[in-house]
PDB file of N, CA and C in Angstrom:
ATOM      1  N   MET A   1       4.722  -7.787   4.392  1.00  0.00           N
ATOM      2  CA  MET A   1       5.325  -6.465   4.351  1.00  0.00           C
ATOM      3  C   MET A   1       4.481  -5.580   3.451  1.00  0.00           C
ATOM      4  N   LEU A   2       4.220  -4.405   3.886  1.00  0.00           N
ATOM      5  CA  LEU A   2       3.465  -3.415   3.134  1.00  0.00           C
ATOM      6  C   LEU A   2       4.456  -2.488   2.450  1.00  0.00           C
ATOM      7  N   THR A   3       4.206  -2.187   1.174  1.00  0.00           N
ATOM      8  CA  THR A   3       5.091  -1.316   0.412  1.00  0.00           C
ATOM      9  C   THR A   3       4.278  -0.196  -0.224  1.00  0.00           C
ATOM     10  N   LEU A   4       4.753   1.007  -0.085  1.00  0.00           N
ATOM     11  CA  LEU A   4       4.162   2.179  -0.723  1.00  0.00           C
ATOM     12  C   LEU A   4       5.087   2.572  -1.862  1.00  0.00           C
ATOM     13  N   CYS A   5       4.524   2.708  -3.068  1.00  0.00           N
ATOM     14  CA  CYS A   5       5.354   3.030  -4.234  1.00  0.00           C
ATOM     15  C   CYS A   5       4.860   4.288  -4.930  1.00  0.00           C
ATOM     16  N   PHE A   6       5.814   5.074  -5.378  1.00  0.00           N
ATOM     17  CA  PHE A   6       5.552   6.214  -6.243  1.00  0.00           C
ATOM     18  C   PHE A   6       6.227   5.879  -7.571  1.00  0.00           C
ATOM     19  N   TYR A   7       5.477   6.006  -8.692  1.00  0.00           N
ATOM     20  CA  TYR A   7       6.001   5.638 -10.002  1.00  0.00           C
ATOM     21  C   TYR A   7       6.151   6.869 -10.877  1.00  0.00           C
ATOM     22  N   GLN A   8       7.153   6.835 -11.747  1.00  0.00           N
ATOM     23  CA  GLN A   8       7.369   7.937 -12.679  1.00  0.00           C
ATOM     24  C   GLN A   8       8.163   7.416 -13.870  1.00  0.00           C
ATOM     25  N   ASP A   9       7.860   7.931 -15.040  1.00  0.00           N
ATOM     26  CA  ASP A   9       8.664   7.613 -16.213  1.00  0.00           C
ATOM     27  C   ASP A   9      10.115   7.975 -15.886  1.00  0.00           C
ATOM     28  N   SER A  10      11.043   7.086 -16.195  1.00  0.00           N
ATOM     29  CA  SER A  10      12.452   7.283 -15.832  1.00  0.00           C
ATOM     30  C   SER A  10      13.052   8.557 -16.423  1.00  0.00           C
ATOM     31  N   ARG A  11      12.493   9.041 -17.531  1.00  0.00           N
ATOM     32  CA  ARG A  11      12.997  10.285 -18.113  1.00  0.00           C
ATOM     33  C   ARG A  11      12.677  11.496 -17.231  1.00  0.00           C
ATOM     34  N   HIS A  12      11.712  11.305 -16.311  1.00  0.00           N
ATOM     35  CA  HIS A  12      11.265  12.404 -15.441  1.00  0.00           C
ATOM     36  C   HIS A  12      11.290  11.959 -13.976  1.00  0.00           C
ATOM     37  N   GLU A  13      12.347  11.279 -13.584  1.00  0.00           N
ATOM     38  CA  GLU A  13      12.398  10.682 -12.248  1.00  0.00           C
ATOM     39  C   GLU A  13      12.872  11.631 -11.149  1.00  0.00           C
ATOM     40  N   LYS A  14      13.311  12.812 -11.517  1.00  0.00           N
ATOM     41  CA  LYS A  14      13.862  13.745 -10.534  1.00  0.00           C
ATOM     42  C   LYS A  14      12.931  13.973  -9.331  1.00  0.00           C
ATOM     43  N   PRO A  15      11.621  14.139  -9.544  1.00  0.00           N
ATOM     44  CA  PRO A  15      10.732  14.346  -8.389  1.00  0.00           C
ATOM     45  C   PRO A  15      10.750  13.180  -7.385  1.00  0.00           C
ATOM     46  N   LEU A  16      11.036  11.981  -7.859  1.00  0.00           N
ATOM     47  CA  LEU A  16      11.121  10.841  -6.936  1.00  0.00           C
ATOM     48  C   LEU A  16      12.274  11.026  -5.957  1.00  0.00           C
ATOM     49  N   TYR A  17      13.395  11.549  -6.443  1.00  0.00           N
ATOM     50  CA  TYR A  17      14.534  11.811  -5.563  1.00  0.00           C
ATOM     51  C   TYR A  17      14.185  12.909  -4.559  1.00  0.00           C
ATOM     52  N   TRP A  18      13.437  13.913  -5.025  1.00  0.00           N
ATOM     53  CA  TRP A  18      13.010  14.983  -4.134  1.00  0.00           C
ATOM     54  C   TRP A  18      12.105  14.425  -3.028  1.00  0.00           C
ATOM     55  N   ILE A  19      11.127  13.597  -3.401  1.00  0.00           N
ATOM     56  CA  ILE A  19      10.227  13.000  -2.413  1.00  0.00           C
ATOM     57  C   ILE A  19      11.032  12.177  -1.406  1.00  0.00           C
ATOM     58  N   ARG A  20      11.959  11.370  -1.907  1.00  0.00           N
ATOM     59  CA  ARG A  20      12.787  10.552  -1.014  1.00  0.00           C
ATOM     60  C   ARG A  20      13.594  11.423  -0.056  1.00  0.00           C
ATOM     61  N   ASP A  21      14.145  12.517  -0.575  1.00  0.00           N
ATOM     62  CA  ASP A  21      14.943  13.407   0.266  1.00  0.00           C
ATOM     63  C   ASP A  21      14.079  14.106   1.323  1.00  0.00           C
ATOM     64  N   VAL A  22      12.880  14.521   0.943  1.00  0.00           N
ATOM     65  CA  VAL A  22      11.987  15.193   1.896  1.00  0.00           C
ATOM     66  C   VAL A  22      11.519  14.221   2.974  1.00  0.00           C
ATOM     67  N   LEU A  23      11.112  13.005   2.562  1.00  0.00           N
ATOM     68  CA  LEU A  23      10.616  12.017   3.525  1.00  0.00           C
ATOM     69  C   LEU A  23      11.746  11.323   4.282  1.00  0.00           C
ATOM     70  N   LYS A  24      12.939  11.380   3.727  1.00  0.00           N
ATOM     71  CA  LYS A  24      14.119  10.736   4.328  1.00  0.00           C
ATOM     72  C   LYS A  24      13.903   9.230   4.530  1.00  0.00           C
ATOM     73  N   ILE A  25      13.311   8.613   3.527  1.00  0.00           N
ATOM     74  CA  ILE A  25      13.058   7.177   3.604  1.00  0.00           C
ATOM     75  C   ILE A  25      12.839   6.628   2.200  1.00  0.00           C
ATOM     76  N   GLY A  26      13.126   5.357   2.009  1.00  0.00           N
ATOM     77  CA  GLY A  26      12.838   4.677   0.758  1.00  0.00           C
ATOM     78  C   GLY A  26      14.051   4.554  -0.150  1.00  0.00           C
ATOM     79  N   TYR A  27      13.839   3.860  -1.244  1.00  0.00           N
ATOM     80  CA  TYR A  27      14.895   3.693  -2.240  1.00  0.00           C
ATOM     81  C   TYR A  27      14.281   3.733  -3.629  1.00  0.00           C
ATOM     82  N   ILE A  28      15.088   4.141  -4.593  1.00  0.00           N
ATOM     83  CA  ILE A  28      14.613   4.285  -5.969  1.00  0.00           C
ATOM     84  C   ILE A  28      15.241   3.207  -6.832  1.00  0.00           C
ATOM     85  N   SER A  29      14.409   2.598  -7.656  1.00  0.00           N
ATOM     86  CA  SER A  29      14.911   1.602  -8.596  1.00  0.00           C
ATOM     87  C   SER A  29      14.330   1.887  -9.970  1.00  0.00           C
ATOM     88  N   LYS A  30      15.064   1.449 -10.997  1.00  0.00           N
ATOM     89  CA  LYS A  30      14.619   1.615 -12.379  1.00  0.00           C
ATOM     90  C   LYS A  30      14.212   0.259 -12.916  1.00  0.00           C
ATOM     91  N   ARG A  31      12.991   0.219 -13.448  1.00  0.00           N
ATOM     92  CA  ARG A  31      12.490  -1.030 -14.013  1.00  0.00           C
ATOM     93  C   ARG A  31      12.889  -1.132 -15.483  1.00  0.00           C
ATOM     94  N   ASN A  32      12.783  -2.342 -16.024  1.00  0.00           N
ATOM     95  CA  ASN A  32      13.133  -2.575 -17.430  1.00  0.00           C
ATOM     96  C   ASN A  32      12.182  -1.898 -18.406  1.00  0.00           C
ATOM     97  N   ASP A  33      10.976  -1.525 -17.932  1.00  0.00           N
ATOM     98  CA  ASP A  33       9.987  -0.927 -18.833  1.00  0.00           C
ATOM     99  C   ASP A  33      10.073   0.601 -18.882  1.00  0.00           C
ATOM    100  N   GLY A  34      11.175   1.173 -18.354  1.00  0.00           N
ATOM    101  CA  GLY A  34      11.365   2.615 -18.428  1.00  0.00           C
ATOM    102  C   GLY A  34      10.684   3.397 -17.313  1.00  0.00           C
ATOM    103  N   ILE A  35      10.251   2.715 -16.285  1.00  0.00           N
ATOM    104  CA  ILE A  35       9.607   3.356 -15.138  1.00  0.00           C
ATOM    105  C   ILE A  35      10.550   3.304 -13.948  1.00  0.00           C
ATOM    106  N   SER A  36      10.632   4.418 -13.229  1.00  0.00           N
ATOM    107  CA  SER A  36      11.377   4.451 -11.979  1.00  0.00           C
ATOM    108  C   SER A  36      10.364   4.431 -10.840  1.00  0.00           C
ATOM    109  N   GLU A  37      10.759   3.838  -9.733  1.00  0.00           N
ATOM    110  CA  GLU A  37       9.840   3.792  -8.605  1.00  0.00           C
ATOM    111  C   GLU A  37      10.566   4.067  -7.299  1.00  0.00           C
ATOM    112  N   LEU A  38       9.893   4.815  -6.451  1.00  0.00           N
ATOM    113  CA  LEU A  38      10.351   5.045  -5.098  1.00  0.00           C
ATOM    114  C   LEU A  38       9.557   4.092  -4.226  1.00  0.00           C
ATOM    115  N   ARG A  39      10.255   3.200  -3.526  1.00  0.00           N
ATOM    116  CA  ARG A  39       9.605   2.190  -2.691  1.00  0.00           C
ATOM    117  C   ARG A  39       9.894   2.473  -1.224  1.00  0.00           C
ATOM    118  N   ILE A  40       8.816   2.434  -0.431  1.00  0.00           N
ATOM    119  CA  ILE A  40       8.927   2.612   1.016  1.00  0.00           C
ATOM    120  C   ILE A  40       8.280   1.386   1.650  1.00  0.00           C
ATOM    121  N   ASN A  41       9.024   0.704   2.510  1.00  0.00           N
ATOM    122  CA  ASN A  41       8.553  -0.531   3.124  1.00  0.00           C
ATOM    123  C   ASN A  41       8.295  -0.346   4.610  1.00  0.00           C
ATOM    124  N   GLY A  42       7.346  -1.110   5.121  1.00  0.00           N
ATOM    125  CA  GLY A  42       7.110  -1.157   6.555  1.00  0.00           C
ATOM    126  C   GLY A  42       5.796  -0.516   6.966  1.00  0.00           C
ATOM    127  N   PHE A  43       5.056  -1.212   7.820  1.00  0.00           N
ATOM    128  CA  PHE A  43       3.739  -0.743   8.240  1.00  0.00           C
ATOM    129  C   PHE A  43       3.807   0.594   8.973  1.00  0.00           C
ATOM    130  N   ALA A  44       4.707   0.708   9.942  1.00  0.00           N
ATOM    131  CA  ALA A  44       4.792   1.931  10.752  1.00  0.00           C
ATOM    132  C   ALA A  44       5.208   3.129   9.892  1.00  0.00           C
ATOM    133  N   GLN A  45       6.190   2.940   9.008  1.00  0.00           N
ATOM    134  CA  GLN A  45       6.654   4.026   8.153  1.00  0.00           C
ATOM    135  C   GLN A  45       5.549   4.494   7.212  1.00  0.00           C
ATOM    136  N   ILE A  46       4.828   3.541   6.633  1.00  0.00           N
ATOM    137  CA  ILE A  46       3.763   3.885   5.694  1.00  0.00           C
ATOM    138  C   ILE A  46       2.621   4.587   6.422  1.00  0.00           C
ATOM    139  N   LYS A  47       2.295   4.120   7.605  1.00  0.00           N
ATOM    140  CA  LYS A  47       1.247   4.771   8.398  1.00  0.00           C
ATOM    141  C   LYS A  47       1.618   6.231   8.661  1.00  0.00           C
ATOM    142  N   GLU A  48       2.850   6.472   9.097  1.00  0.00           N
ATOM    143  CA  GLU A  48       3.290   7.836   9.397  1.00  0.00           C
ATOM    144  C   GLU A  48       3.266   8.729   8.160  1.00  0.00           C
ATOM    145  N   ILE A  49       3.756   8.210   7.054  1.00  0.00           N
ATOM    146  CA  ILE A  49       3.803   9.000   5.821  1.00  0.00           C
ATOM    147  C   ILE A  49       2.402   9.316   5.327  1.00  0.00           C
ATOM    148  N   LEU A  50       1.522   8.312   5.312  1.00  0.00           N
ATOM    149  CA  LEU A  50       0.161   8.546   4.842  1.00  0.00           C
ATOM    150  C   LEU A  50      -0.601   9.479   5.773  1.00  0.00           C
ATOM    151  N   GLU A  51      -0.327   9.395   7.055  1.00  0.00           N
ATOM    152  CA  GLU A  51      -0.966  10.301   8.013  1.00  0.00           C
ATOM    153  C   GLU A  51      -0.656  11.754   7.652  1.00  0.00           C
ATOM    154  N   ASP A  52       0.591  12.007   7.262  1.00  0.00           N
ATOM    155  CA  ASP A  52       1.000  13.358   6.872  1.00  0.00           C
ATOM    156  C   ASP A  52       0.487  13.747   5.481  1.00  0.00           C
ATOM    157  N   LEU A  53       0.438  12.778   4.570  1.00  0.00           N
ATOM    158  CA  LEU A  53       0.097  13.087   3.177  1.00  0.00           C
ATOM    159  C   LEU A  53      -1.400  13.075   2.869  1.00  0.00           C
ATOM    160  N   LEU A  54      -2.206  12.336   3.623  1.00  0.00           N
ATOM    161  CA  LEU A  54      -3.625  12.178   3.285  1.00  0.00           C
ATOM    162  C   LEU A  54      -4.369  13.494   3.042  1.00  0.00           C
ATOM    163  N   PRO A  55      -4.138  14.534   3.835  1.00  0.00           N
ATOM    164  CA  PRO A  55      -4.869  15.780   3.555  1.00  0.00           C
ATOM    165  C   PRO A  55      -4.560  16.373   2.180  1.00  0.00           C
ATOM    166  N   PHE A  56      -3.442  15.983   1.578  1.00  0.00           N
ATOM    167  CA  PHE A  56      -3.008  16.564   0.315  1.00  0.00           C
ATOM    168  C   PHE A  56      -3.221  15.637  -0.887  1.00  0.00           C
ATOM    169  N   VAL A  57      -3.625  14.401  -0.641  1.00  0.00           N
ATOM    170  CA  VAL A  57      -3.810  13.428  -1.725  1.00  0.00           C
ATOM    171  C   VAL A  57      -5.020  13.837  -2.561  1.00  0.00           C
ATOM    172  N   LYS A  58      -4.820  13.927  -3.868  1.00  0.00           N
ATOM    173  CA  LYS A  58      -5.899  14.286  -4.792  1.00  0.00           C
ATOM    174  C   LYS A  58      -6.370  13.088  -5.612  1.00  0.00           C
ATOM    175  N   PHE A  59      -5.451  12.185  -5.913  1.00  0.00           N
ATOM    176  CA  PHE A  59      -5.777  10.998  -6.691  1.00  0.00           C
ATOM    177  C   PHE A  59      -5.571   9.784  -5.806  1.00  0.00           C
ATOM    178  N   LYS A  60      -6.360   8.759  -6.032  1.00  0.00           N
ATOM    179  CA  LYS A  60      -6.244   7.500  -5.293  1.00  0.00           C
ATOM    180  C   LYS A  60      -6.453   7.689  -3.789  1.00  0.00           C
ATOM    181  N   LYS A  61      -7.331   8.612  -3.430  1.00  0.00           N
ATOM    182  CA  LYS A  61      -7.596   8.912  -2.025  1.00  0.00           C
ATOM    183  C   LYS A  61      -8.211   7.705  -1.309  1.00  0.00           C
ATOM    184  N   MET A  62      -9.139   7.000  -1.994  1.00  0.00           N
ATOM    185  CA  MET A  62      -9.754   5.812  -1.373  1.00  0.00           C
ATOM    186  C   MET A  62      -8.698   4.761  -1.050  1.00  0.00           C
ATOM    187  N   GLN A  63      -7.777   4.534  -2.010  1.00  0.00           N
ATOM    188  CA  GLN A  63      -6.718   3.560  -1.786  1.00  0.00           C
ATOM    189  C   GLN A  63      -5.802   3.999  -0.647  1.00  0.00           C
ATOM    190  N   ALA A  64      -5.450   5.275  -0.615  1.00  0.00           N
ATOM    191  CA  ALA A  64      -4.561   5.784   0.431  1.00  0.00           C
ATOM    192  C   ALA A  64      -5.206   5.616   1.811  1.00  0.00           C
ATOM    193  N   ARG A  65      -6.499   5.908   1.924  1.00  0.00           N
ATOM    194  CA  ARG A  65      -7.189   5.732   3.211  1.00  0.00           C
ATOM    195  C   ARG A  65      -7.217   4.267   3.624  1.00  0.00           C
ATOM    196  N   ALA A  66      -7.492   3.389   2.668  1.00  0.00           N
ATOM    197  CA  ALA A  66      -7.554   1.957   2.969  1.00  0.00           C
ATOM    198  C   ALA A  66      -6.187   1.436   3.414  1.00  0.00           C
ATOM    199  N   ILE A  67      -5.138   1.859   2.737  1.00  0.00           N
ATOM    200  CA  ILE A  67      -3.788   1.425   3.104  1.00  0.00           C
ATOM    201  C   ILE A  67      -3.418   1.975   4.480  1.00  0.00           C
ATOM    202  N   TYR A  68      -3.798   3.216   4.746  1.00  0.00           N
ATOM    203  CA  TYR A  68      -3.528   3.808   6.054  1.00  0.00           C
ATOM    204  C   TYR A  68      -4.215   2.996   7.158  1.00  0.00           C
ATOM    205  N   LYS A  69      -5.486   2.670   6.955  1.00  0.00           N
ATOM    206  CA  LYS A  69      -6.227   1.893   7.964  1.00  0.00           C
ATOM    207  C   LYS A  69      -5.612   0.505   8.156  1.00  0.00           C
ATOM    208  N   ALA A  70      -5.187  -0.114   7.056  1.00  0.00           N
ATOM    209  CA  ALA A  70      -4.529  -1.422   7.156  1.00  0.00           C
ATOM    210  C   ALA A  70      -3.222  -1.306   7.925  1.00  0.00           C
ATOM    211  N   ALA A  71      -2.451  -0.274   7.634  1.00  0.00           N
ATOM    212  CA  ALA A  71      -1.173  -0.070   8.329  1.00  0.00           C
ATOM    213  C   ALA A  71      -1.392   0.168   9.818  1.00  0.00           C
ATOM    214  N   CYS A  72      -2.482   0.853  10.175  1.00  0.00           N
ATOM    215  CA  CYS A  72      -2.800   1.075  11.591  1.00  0.00           C
ATOM    216  C   CYS A  72      -3.029  -0.257  12.309  1.00  0.00           C
ATOM    217  N   ILE A  73      -3.678  -1.187  11.645  1.00  0.00           N
ATOM    218  CA  ILE A  73      -3.928  -2.504  12.230  1.00  0.00           C
ATOM    219  C   ILE A  73      -2.630  -3.306  12.318  1.00  0.00           C
ATOM    220  N   LEU A  74      -1.828  -3.229  11.273  1.00  0.00           N
ATOM    221  CA  LEU A  74      -0.662  -4.104  11.156  1.00  0.00           C
ATOM    222  C   LEU A  74       0.621  -3.583  11.796  1.00  0.00           C
ATOM    223  N   LYS A  75       0.705  -2.312  12.104  1.00  0.00           N
ATOM    224  CA  LYS A  75       1.992  -1.730  12.506  1.00  0.00           C
ATOM    225  C   LYS A  75       2.600  -2.350  13.754  1.00  0.00           C
ATOM    226  N   ASN A  76       1.804  -2.844  14.682  1.00  0.00           N
ATOM    227  CA  ASN A  76       2.343  -3.392  15.931  1.00  0.00           C
ATOM    228  C   ASN A  76       2.046  -4.879  16.123  1.00  0.00           C
ATOM    229  N   LYS A  77       1.516  -5.515  15.100  1.00  0.00           N
ATOM    230  CA  LYS A  77       1.111  -6.909  15.272  1.00  0.00           C
ATOM    231  C   LYS A  77       1.583  -7.762  14.111  1.00  0.00           C
ATOM    232  N   LYS A  78       1.768  -9.016  14.401  1.00  0.00           N
ATOM    233  CA  LYS A  78       2.047  -9.978  13.329  1.00  0.00           C
ATOM    234  C   LYS A  78       0.704 -10.488  12.826  1.00  0.00           C
ATOM    235  N   ILE A  79       0.648 -10.786  11.546  1.00  0.00           N
ATOM    236  CA  ILE A  79      -0.627 -11.160  10.939  1.00  0.00           C
ATOM    237  C   ILE A  79      -1.226 -12.413  11.578  1.00  0.00           C
ATOM    238  N   ASP A  80      -0.377 -13.325  12.066  1.00  0.00           N
ATOM    239  CA  ASP A  80      -0.906 -14.544  12.667  1.00  0.00           C
ATOM    240  C   ASP A  80      -1.476 -14.294  14.072  1.00  0.00           C
ATOM    241  N   ARG A  81      -1.330 -13.077  14.596  1.00  0.00           N
ATOM    242  CA  ARG A  81      -1.866 -12.738  15.921  1.00  0.00           C
ATOM    243  C   ARG A  81      -3.059 -11.798  15.847  1.00  0.00           C
ATOM    244  N   LEU A  82      -3.558 -11.532  14.657  1.00  0.00           N
ATOM    245  CA  LEU A  82      -4.694 -10.629  14.497  1.00  0.00           C
ATOM    246  C   LEU A  82      -6.005 -11.352  14.764  1.00  0.00           C
ATOM    247  N   SER A  83      -6.957 -10.611  15.290  1.00  0.00           N
ATOM    248  CA  SER A  83      -8.290 -11.177  15.528  1.00  0.00           C
ATOM    249  C   SER A  83      -8.995 -11.386  14.192  1.00  0.00           C
ATOM    250  N   LYS A  84     -10.013 -12.220  14.208  1.00  0.00           N
ATOM    251  CA  LYS A  84     -10.783 -12.453  12.980  1.00  0.00           C
ATOM    252  C   LYS A  84     -11.431 -11.153  12.509  1.00  0.00           C
ATOM    253  N   ASN A  85     -11.833 -10.314  13.451  1.00  0.00           N
ATOM    254  CA  ASN A  85     -12.431  -9.030  13.104  1.00  0.00           C
ATOM    255  C   ASN A  85     -11.431  -8.159  12.338  1.00  0.00           C
ATOM    256  N   ASN A  86     -10.195  -8.072  12.840  1.00  0.00           N
ATOM    257  CA  ASN A  86      -9.175  -7.276  12.146  1.00  0.00           C
ATOM    258  C   ASN A  86      -8.802  -7.883  10.800  1.00  0.00           C
ATOM    259  N   LEU A  87      -8.759  -9.213  10.723  1.00  0.00           N
ATOM    260  CA  LEU A  87      -8.478  -9.857   9.433  1.00  0.00           C
ATOM    261  C   LEU A  87      -9.586  -9.553   8.431  1.00  0.00           C
ATOM    262  N   SER A  88     -10.822  -9.561   8.890  1.00  0.00           N
ATOM    263  CA  SER A  88     -11.950  -9.227   8.008  1.00  0.00           C
ATOM    264  C   SER A  88     -11.843  -7.788   7.519  1.00  0.00           C
ATOM    265  N   LYS A  89     -11.447  -6.878   8.419  1.00  0.00           N
ATOM    266  CA  LYS A  89     -11.250  -5.484   8.017  1.00  0.00           C
ATOM    267  C   LYS A  89     -10.158  -5.392   6.954  1.00  0.00           C
ATOM    268  N   LEU A  90      -9.069  -6.143   7.151  1.00  0.00           N
ATOM    269  CA  LEU A  90      -7.979  -6.129   6.167  1.00  0.00           C
ATOM    270  C   LEU A  90      -8.454  -6.587   4.800  1.00  0.00           C
ATOM    271  N   VAL A  91      -9.300  -7.617   4.773  1.00  0.00           N
ATOM    272  CA  VAL A  91      -9.852  -8.086   3.499  1.00  0.00           C
ATOM    273  C   VAL A  91     -10.606  -6.946   2.818  1.00  0.00           C
ATOM    274  N   GLY A  92     -11.389  -6.211   3.588  1.00  0.00           N
ATOM    275  CA  GLY A  92     -12.119  -5.072   3.025  1.00  0.00           C
ATOM    276  C   GLY A  92     -11.186  -4.020   2.452  1.00  0.00           C
ATOM    277  N   TYR A  93     -10.102  -3.729   3.166  1.00  0.00           N
ATOM    278  CA  TYR A  93      -9.139  -2.738   2.684  1.00  0.00           C
ATOM    279  C   TYR A  93      -8.426  -3.220   1.424  1.00  0.00           C
ATOM    280  N   ILE A  94      -8.097  -4.503   1.401  1.00  0.00           N
ATOM    281  CA  ILE A  94      -7.473  -5.081   0.201  1.00  0.00           C
ATOM    282  C   ILE A  94      -8.400  -4.931  -0.995  1.00  0.00           C
ATOM    283  N   LEU A  95      -9.682  -5.197  -0.792  1.00  0.00           N
ATOM    284  CA  LEU A  95     -10.647  -5.100  -1.886  1.00  0.00           C
ATOM    285  C   LEU A  95     -10.802  -3.658  -2.370  1.00  0.00           C
ATOM    286  N   VAL A  96     -10.776  -2.694  -1.457  1.00  0.00           N
ATOM    287  CA  VAL A  96     -10.862  -1.285  -1.861  1.00  0.00           C
ATOM    288  C   VAL A  96      -9.692  -0.938  -2.776  1.00  0.00           C
ATOM    289  N   VAL A  97      -8.481  -1.301  -2.360  1.00  0.00           N
ATOM    290  CA  VAL A  97      -7.301  -0.994  -3.167  1.00  0.00           C
ATOM    291  C   VAL A  97      -7.362  -1.727  -4.496  1.00  0.00           C
ATOM    292  N   GLN A  98      -7.636  -3.009  -4.439  1.00  0.00           N
ATOM    293  CA  GLN A  98      -7.658  -3.842  -5.639  1.00  0.00           C
ATOM    294  C   GLN A  98      -8.713  -3.374  -6.634  1.00  0.00           C
ATOM    295  N   ASN A  99      -9.889  -3.020  -6.149  1.00  0.00           N
ATOM    296  CA  ASN A  99     -10.977  -2.643  -7.048  1.00  0.00           C
ATOM    297  C   ASN A  99     -10.840  -1.239  -7.611  1.00  0.00           C
ATOM    298  N   ASN A 100      -9.951  -0.449  -7.042  1.00  0.00           N
ATOM    299  CA  ASN A 100      -9.756   0.908  -7.535  1.00  0.00           C
ATOM    300  C   ASN A 100      -8.423   1.094  -8.240  1.00  0.00           C
ATOM    301  N   ASN A 101      -7.719   0.021  -8.487  1.00  0.00           N
ATOM    302  CA  ASN A 101      -6.448   0.064  -9.208  1.00  0.00           C
ATOM    303  C   ASN A 101      -6.562  -0.736 -10.485  1.00  0.00           C
ATOM    304  N   TYR A 102      -5.869  -0.256 -11.497  1.00  0.00           N
ATOM    305  CA  TYR A 102      -5.766  -1.020 -12.730  1.00  0.00           C
ATOM    306  C   TYR A 102      -4.718  -2.094 -12.513  1.00  0.00           C
ATOM    307  N   ALA A 103      -5.043  -3.305 -12.899  1.00  0.00           N
ATOM    308  CA  ALA A 103      -4.059  -4.389 -12.803  1.00  0.00           C
ATOM    309  C   ALA A 103      -4.328  -5.377 -13.923  1.00  0.00           C
ATOM    310  N   THR A 104      -3.263  -5.855 -14.513  1.00  0.00           N
ATOM    311  CA  THR A 104      -3.431  -6.845 -15.570  1.00  0.00           C
ATOM    312  C   THR A 104      -3.569  -8.239 -14.985  1.00  0.00           C
ATOM    313  N   LYS A 105      -3.098  -8.423 -13.748  1.00  0.00           N
ATOM    314  CA  LYS A 105      -3.201  -9.733 -13.111  1.00  0.00           C
ATOM    315  C   LYS A 105      -4.631  -9.988 -12.659  1.00  0.00           C
ATOM    316  N   LYS A 106      -4.940 -11.257 -12.504  1.00  0.00           N
ATOM    317  CA  LYS A 106      -6.254 -11.631 -11.989  1.00  0.00           C
ATOM    318  C   LYS A 106      -6.380 -11.163 -10.547  1.00  0.00           C
ATOM    319  N   LYS A 107      -7.503 -10.523 -10.252  1.00  0.00           N
ATOM    320  CA  LYS A 107      -7.743 -10.030  -8.909  1.00  0.00           C
ATOM    321  C   LYS A 107      -8.411 -11.115  -8.075  1.00  0.00           C
ATOM    322  N   LYS A 108      -8.125 -11.110  -6.789  1.00  0.00           N
ATOM    323  CA  LYS A 108      -8.723 -12.073  -5.868  1.00  0.00           C
ATOM    324  C   LYS A 108     -10.118 -11.600  -5.482  1.00  0.00           C
ATOM    325  N   THR A 109     -11.028 -12.545  -5.321  1.00  0.00           N
ATOM    326  CA  THR A 109     -12.368 -12.222  -4.851  1.00  0.00           C
ATOM    327  C   THR A 109     -12.362 -12.188  -3.329  1.00  0.00           C
ATOM    328  N   LYS A 110     -13.435 -11.652  -2.758  1.00  0.00           N
ATOM    329  CA  LYS A 110     -13.555 -11.616  -1.306  1.00  0.00           C
ATOM    330  C   LYS A 110     -13.492 -13.031  -0.746  1.00  0.00           C
ATOM    331  N   ASN A 111     -14.188 -13.964  -1.383  1.00  0.00           N
ATOM    332  CA  ASN A 111     -14.193 -15.354  -0.905  1.00  0.00           C
ATOM    333  C   ASN A 111     -12.795 -15.962  -0.945  1.00  0.00           C
ATOM    334  N   GLU A 112     -12.027 -15.680  -2.005  1.00  0.00           N
ATOM    335  CA  GLU A 112     -10.659 -16.195  -2.092  1.00  0.00           C
ATOM    336  C   GLU A 112      -9.788 -15.624  -0.980  1.00  0.00           C
ATOM    337  N   LEU A 113      -9.922 -14.325  -0.727  1.00  0.00           N
ATOM    338  CA  LEU A 113      -9.142 -13.695   0.347  1.00  0.00           C
ATOM    339  C   LEU A 113      -9.530 -14.256   1.715  1.00  0.00           C
ATOM    340  N   MET A 114     -10.822 -14.448   1.923  1.00  0.00           N
ATOM    341  CA  MET A 114     -11.293 -15.005   3.213  1.00  0.00           C
ATOM    342  C   MET A 114     -10.738 -16.412   3.409  1.00  0.00           C
ATOM    343  N   LYS A 115     -10.695 -17.194   2.333  1.00  0.00           N
ATOM    344  CA  LYS A 115     -10.158 -18.551   2.426  1.00  0.00           C
ATOM    345  C   LYS A 115      -8.661 -18.539   2.730  1.00  0.00           C
ATOM    346  N   ILE A 116      -7.919 -17.645   2.069  1.00  0.00           N
ATOM    347  CA  ILE A 116      -6.479 -17.532   2.292  1.00  0.00           C
ATOM    348  C   ILE A 116      -6.202 -17.221   3.761  1.00  0.00           C
ATOM    349  N   LEU A 117      -7.019 -16.359   4.368  1.00  0.00           N
ATOM    350  CA  LEU A 117      -6.851 -15.954   5.753  1.00  0.00           C
ATOM    351  C   LEU A 117      -7.591 -16.864   6.739  1.00  0.00           C
ATOM    352  N   ASP A 118      -8.126 -17.957   6.230  1.00  0.00           N
ATOM    353  CA  ASP A 118      -8.835 -18.937   7.059  1.00  0.00           C
ATOM    354  C   ASP A 118     -10.012 -18.280   7.803  1.00  0.00           C
ATOM    355  N   LEU A 119     -10.786 -17.467   7.079  1.00  0.00           N
ATOM    356  CA  LEU A 119     -11.918 -16.789   7.684  1.00  0.00           C
ATOM    357  C   LEU A 119     -13.249 -17.310   7.162  1.00  0.00           C
ATOM    358  N   THR A 120     -13.222 -18.404   6.432  1.00  0.00           N
ATOM    359  CA  THR A 120     -14.467 -18.953   5.899  1.00  0.00           C
ATOM    360  C   THR A 120     -15.244 -19.639   7.023  1.00  0.00           C
ATOM    361  N   PRO A 121     -16.568 -19.470   6.992  1.00  0.00           N
ATOM    362  CA  PRO A 121     -17.391 -20.073   8.065  1.00  0.00           C
ATOM    363  C   PRO A 121     -17.411 -21.582   8.016  1.00  0.00           C
TER     364      PRO A 121
END
């Protein structure tokens, strides 16, 4: 499942409700660390939303494009029915997002992702 999240300090979460109301999709939750998040699930929904939002994205544009392309591949197919070519493309999109996001967790390498998807030669 693909999830698109918008994050905001809980003291200033009002815009998240506005975004949810405008898009008419998603749900808002409050985390223990004082952050609120608007979560939108589903390949088709994320593809549609990003298609509309991409011209206006100023930050994280590379990640948004990569997620959009991944959603285009995944929206009508199950992952176990994807061609090796499409799986390889997905690995590339995952790496774009992963390499352009801050994360405290250990990131997967291309080789690890290829092995997980059984794409190793």
